[in-house]
Protein backbone atom coordinates (compact mmCIF):
# COMPACT_ATOMS: atom_id res chain seq x y z
CA MET A 1 29.08 -15.04 -40.64
CA LEU A 2 26.69 -16.44 -38.03
CA VAL A 3 27.40 -15.02 -34.62
CA ARG A 4 26.20 -16.96 -31.58
CA PRO A 5 24.38 -14.81 -29.04
CA GLN A 6 26.09 -13.97 -25.78
CA TRP A 7 23.59 -15.24 -23.22
CA GLY A 8 24.72 -12.81 -20.55
CA ALA A 9 23.90 -9.90 -22.85
CA VAL A 10 20.56 -11.50 -23.77
CA LEU A 11 19.60 -11.91 -20.11
CA LEU A 12 20.63 -8.32 -19.39
CA ALA A 13 18.49 -7.08 -22.27
CA VAL A 14 15.48 -9.06 -21.05
CA THR A 15 15.95 -7.68 -17.55
CA LEU A 16 16.14 -4.11 -18.81
CA VAL A 17 13.06 -4.53 -20.97
CA ALA A 18 11.02 -6.29 -18.28
CA GLY A 19 11.99 -3.72 -15.67
CA PRO A 20 11.57 -4.02 -11.90
CA SER A 21 7.88 -4.97 -12.22
CA ALA A 22 8.97 -8.42 -13.45
CA CYS A 23 10.33 -9.11 -9.97
CA ALA A 24 7.42 -7.53 -8.08
CA PRO A 25 5.59 -9.94 -5.76
CA LYS A 26 2.18 -11.19 -6.78
CA PRO A 27 -0.76 -10.32 -4.51
CA PRO A 28 -1.17 -12.87 -1.70
CA PRO A 29 -3.73 -15.57 -2.57
CA ASN A 30 -5.71 -14.92 0.61
CA LEU A 31 -6.44 -11.23 1.30
CA THR A 32 -8.98 -11.86 4.03
CA SER A 33 -6.35 -12.84 6.61
CA SER A 34 -3.49 -10.66 7.81
CA CYS A 35 -1.67 -13.81 8.96
CA ALA A 36 -1.97 -15.33 5.47
CA ILE A 37 -0.77 -12.10 3.87
CA PHE A 38 2.39 -12.05 5.95
CA ASP A 39 2.90 -15.80 5.52
CA SER A 40 2.83 -15.20 1.76
CA GLN A 41 5.22 -12.22 1.89
CA ARG A 42 7.36 -12.43 5.04
CA GLY A 43 9.20 -9.20 4.29
CA TRP A 44 5.97 -7.24 4.35
CA TYR A 45 5.62 -7.59 8.11
CA ARG A 46 8.99 -5.90 8.60
CA ASP A 47 7.91 -3.14 6.23
CA THR A 48 4.66 -2.41 8.09
CA GLU A 49 6.33 -2.70 11.49
CA ARG A 50 9.04 -0.26 10.39
CA SER A 51 6.38 2.21 9.25
CA TYR A 52 4.54 1.78 12.56
CA ARG A 53 7.67 2.50 14.60
CA ARG A 54 8.38 5.59 12.51
CA TRP A 55 4.90 7.11 12.20
CA GLY A 56 2.62 5.34 14.70
CA VAL A 57 -0.08 4.09 12.29
CA PRO A 58 -0.82 0.48 13.36
CA VAL A 59 0.05 -2.43 11.10
CA HIS A 60 -3.58 -3.54 10.76
CA VAL A 61 -4.67 -0.07 9.65
CA GLN A 62 -1.92 0.07 7.04
CA LEU A 63 -3.02 -3.30 5.66
CA ALA A 64 -6.67 -2.29 5.52
CA ILE A 65 -5.83 0.84 3.51
CA VAL A 66 -3.63 -1.09 1.07
CA HIS A 67 -6.40 -3.66 0.64
CA GLN A 68 -8.94 -0.98 -0.18
CA GLU A 69 -6.68 1.02 -2.46
CA SER A 70 -4.99 -1.67 -4.56
CA LYS A 71 -5.86 -5.18 -3.34
CA PHE A 72 -2.07 -5.54 -2.90
CA ILE A 73 -1.39 -5.12 -6.64
CA HIS A 74 1.94 -3.31 -6.98
CA ASN A 75 1.12 -1.37 -10.15
CA ALA A 76 -2.61 -0.80 -9.64
CA LYS A 77 -4.12 2.26 -11.34
CA PRO A 78 -7.63 3.71 -11.49
CA PRO A 79 -9.56 2.13 -14.38
CA ARG A 80 -10.19 4.12 -17.51
CA LYS A 81 -13.76 4.87 -18.56
CA TRP A 82 -15.13 4.21 -22.00
CA ARG A 83 -16.10 7.12 -24.22
CA PHE A 84 -18.65 6.67 -26.98
CA LEU A 85 -18.70 2.94 -26.17
CA PHE A 86 -15.45 2.21 -28.02
CA ILE A 87 -12.81 4.80 -27.01
CA LEU A 88 -10.94 4.52 -23.73
CA GLY A 89 -10.60 7.87 -21.98
CA PRO A 90 -7.77 9.01 -19.69
CA ARG A 91 -7.42 7.70 -16.15
CA PRO A 92 -9.32 9.81 -13.60
CA SER A 93 -6.16 10.54 -11.58
CA SER A 94 -2.41 9.93 -11.43
CA ALA A 95 -2.83 7.52 -8.50
CA THR A 96 -0.75 4.36 -8.77
CA GLY A 97 0.91 1.64 -6.72
CA TYR A 98 0.02 -0.18 -3.53
CA ALA A 99 -1.16 3.00 -1.78
CA GLN A 100 -2.69 4.68 -4.86
CA ALA A 101 -0.73 7.84 -4.13
CA THR A 102 -1.13 10.64 -6.68
CA ASN A 103 1.86 12.38 -8.24
CA GLU A 104 1.32 15.54 -6.21
CA THR A 105 0.94 13.82 -2.83
CA TRP A 106 3.85 11.46 -3.51
CA GLU A 107 6.09 14.40 -4.37
CA SER A 108 5.05 16.07 -1.12
CA TYR A 109 6.00 12.88 0.73
CA ILE A 110 9.41 12.79 -0.99
CA ARG A 111 10.10 16.44 -0.12
CA SER A 112 9.01 15.93 3.48
CA THR A 113 11.00 12.73 4.14
CA GLY A 114 13.91 13.11 1.74
CA ARG A 115 13.39 9.54 0.50
CA ARG A 116 14.38 10.26 -3.11
CA GLY A 117 14.60 6.61 -4.10
CA ALA A 118 11.13 5.66 -2.88
CA ASP A 119 8.77 4.04 -5.40
CA ARG A 120 5.02 3.70 -5.29
CA ASP A 121 5.19 0.11 -6.52
CA ASP A 122 7.45 -0.90 -3.60
CA PHE A 123 5.44 -2.26 -0.66
CA GLY A 124 7.76 -0.89 2.02
CA ASP A 125 7.76 2.58 0.49
CA ALA A 126 3.98 2.49 0.12
CA THR A 127 3.39 1.56 3.76
CA ASP A 128 5.85 4.24 4.87
CA PHE A 129 3.81 6.70 2.81
CA ILE A 130 0.58 5.56 4.50
CA GLY A 131 2.20 6.04 7.91
CA TRP A 132 3.47 9.49 6.93
CA TYR A 133 0.05 10.53 5.69
CA GLY A 134 -1.56 9.21 8.87
CA GLU A 135 0.80 11.32 10.98
CA ARG A 136 -0.07 14.36 8.89
CA SER A 137 -3.76 13.59 9.38
CA ARG A 138 -3.19 13.57 13.13
CA ARG A 139 -1.36 16.90 13.09
CA THR A 140 -3.59 18.61 10.54
CA CYS A 141 -7.02 17.20 11.41
CA GLY A 142 -6.62 15.82 14.94
CA ILE A 143 -7.42 12.26 13.82
CA SER A 144 -6.34 9.40 16.06
CA LYS A 145 -3.97 7.01 14.30
CA GLN A 146 -6.12 4.17 15.64
CA ASP A 147 -9.20 5.54 13.85
CA ALA A 148 -9.17 3.69 10.52
CA TYR A 149 -12.53 5.17 9.49
CA SER A 150 -11.50 8.83 9.78
CA LEU A 151 -7.98 8.18 8.53
CA TYR A 152 -9.39 6.72 5.35
CA LEU A 153 -11.78 9.62 4.80
CA ALA A 154 -8.85 12.05 5.11
CA TYR A 155 -6.75 9.78 2.89
CA HIS A 156 -9.38 9.86 0.16
CA GLU A 157 -10.59 13.47 0.42
CA GLY A 158 -7.35 15.16 1.43
CA HIS A 159 -6.98 17.15 4.63
CA GLY A 160 -8.78 20.18 3.26
CA GLY A 161 -11.73 18.08 2.11
CA TYR A 162 -11.86 16.27 5.44
CA LYS A 163 -11.98 19.55 7.33
CA ARG A 164 -14.79 20.76 5.06
CA LYS A 165 -16.54 17.42 5.64
CA SER A 166 -16.87 16.87 1.92
CA TYR A 167 -17.45 13.18 2.62
CA LEU A 168 -20.91 13.96 4.01
CA ALA A 169 -22.10 14.44 0.43
CA LYS A 170 -20.69 11.01 -0.51
CA PRO A 171 -22.58 8.23 1.30
CA TRP A 172 -20.75 5.66 -0.84
CA LEU A 173 -17.41 6.92 0.49
CA MET A 174 -18.56 6.70 4.09
CA ASN A 175 -19.62 3.10 3.38
CA VAL A 176 -16.16 2.38 1.99
CA ALA A 177 -14.52 3.94 5.06
CA ALA A 178 -16.72 1.76 7.26
CA ARG A 179 -15.51 -1.31 5.38
CA VAL A 180 -11.91 -0.19 5.89
CA ARG A 181 -12.60 0.12 9.63
CA THR A 182 -14.17 -3.35 9.77
CA ARG A 183 -11.31 -4.90 7.82
CA ALA A 184 -8.73 -3.18 10.03
CA GLU A 185 -10.40 -4.62 13.12
CA THR A 186 -10.47 -8.08 11.53
CA TYR A 187 -6.79 -7.81 10.66
CA ARG A 188 -6.02 -6.64 14.20
CA THR A 189 -7.79 -9.63 15.77
CA GLN A 190 -6.00 -12.03 13.44
CA LEU A 191 -2.60 -10.48 14.08
CA ALA A 192 -3.04 -10.95 17.81
CA ARG A 193 -2.90 -14.70 17.15
CA CYS A 194 0.05 -14.84 14.76
CA GLU A 195 2.18 -11.72 15.14
CA LYS A 196 4.67 -13.34 17.49
CA ARG A 197 6.03 -15.62 14.80
CA PHE A 198 6.67 -12.73 12.44
CA GLU A 199 8.58 -10.89 15.16
CA ARG A 200 11.13 -13.72 15.51
CA LYS A 201 14.64 -13.42 14.13
CA TRP A 202 15.59 -15.41 11.02
CA TRP A 203 17.55 -17.99 13.00
CA GLN A 204 14.62 -18.49 15.37
CA ARG A 205 12.34 -19.17 12.39
CA LEU A 206 14.78 -21.82 11.18
CA LEU A 207 14.71 -23.60 14.53
CA TRP A 208 10.97 -23.14 15.15
CA PRO A 209 9.30 -22.65 11.76
CA PHE A 210 5.73 -22.75 13.06
């Protein structure tokens, strides 16, 4: 006997197979402008602002770190390297998500904050993680939360490596940190022109959309 499919069950099965990544936002089309990023994903401003209020790392610094780490790709991972020209080797680390947090550091974040449901592929959780790590960098290494250059070096090398100044042996990393600083400043200047509209309530945006 031919049984017609129950479409509700089919849709449920597709949802379970696709998983949450099917609903994850695509990277904004314009990553050079903080205003364009928040225009593309309005909820992201609230996420970064919430992290700023909680931890004190400015919105533009958070954005610059996410840009460097993942280019706003929710499930980004370090690329694998080829072995013997035809075999893909393992990934160099367990880093994943918007903030490229490793398993160990993410678990430390979960233990410290108690945010058991946090996910590395969730933008709000990732920016909260960046804020948390920035606060730890301030307490552990004395880094100003306005200092995108030093924050990124500590973010990449870990607090122990930053204290040992391991980055001095990595000119390429210092160049990357300088780019993060430049991008953070660019984002800050842009936000000064558009941030007001993202701060408005939903009903205000309906009345005055621009």
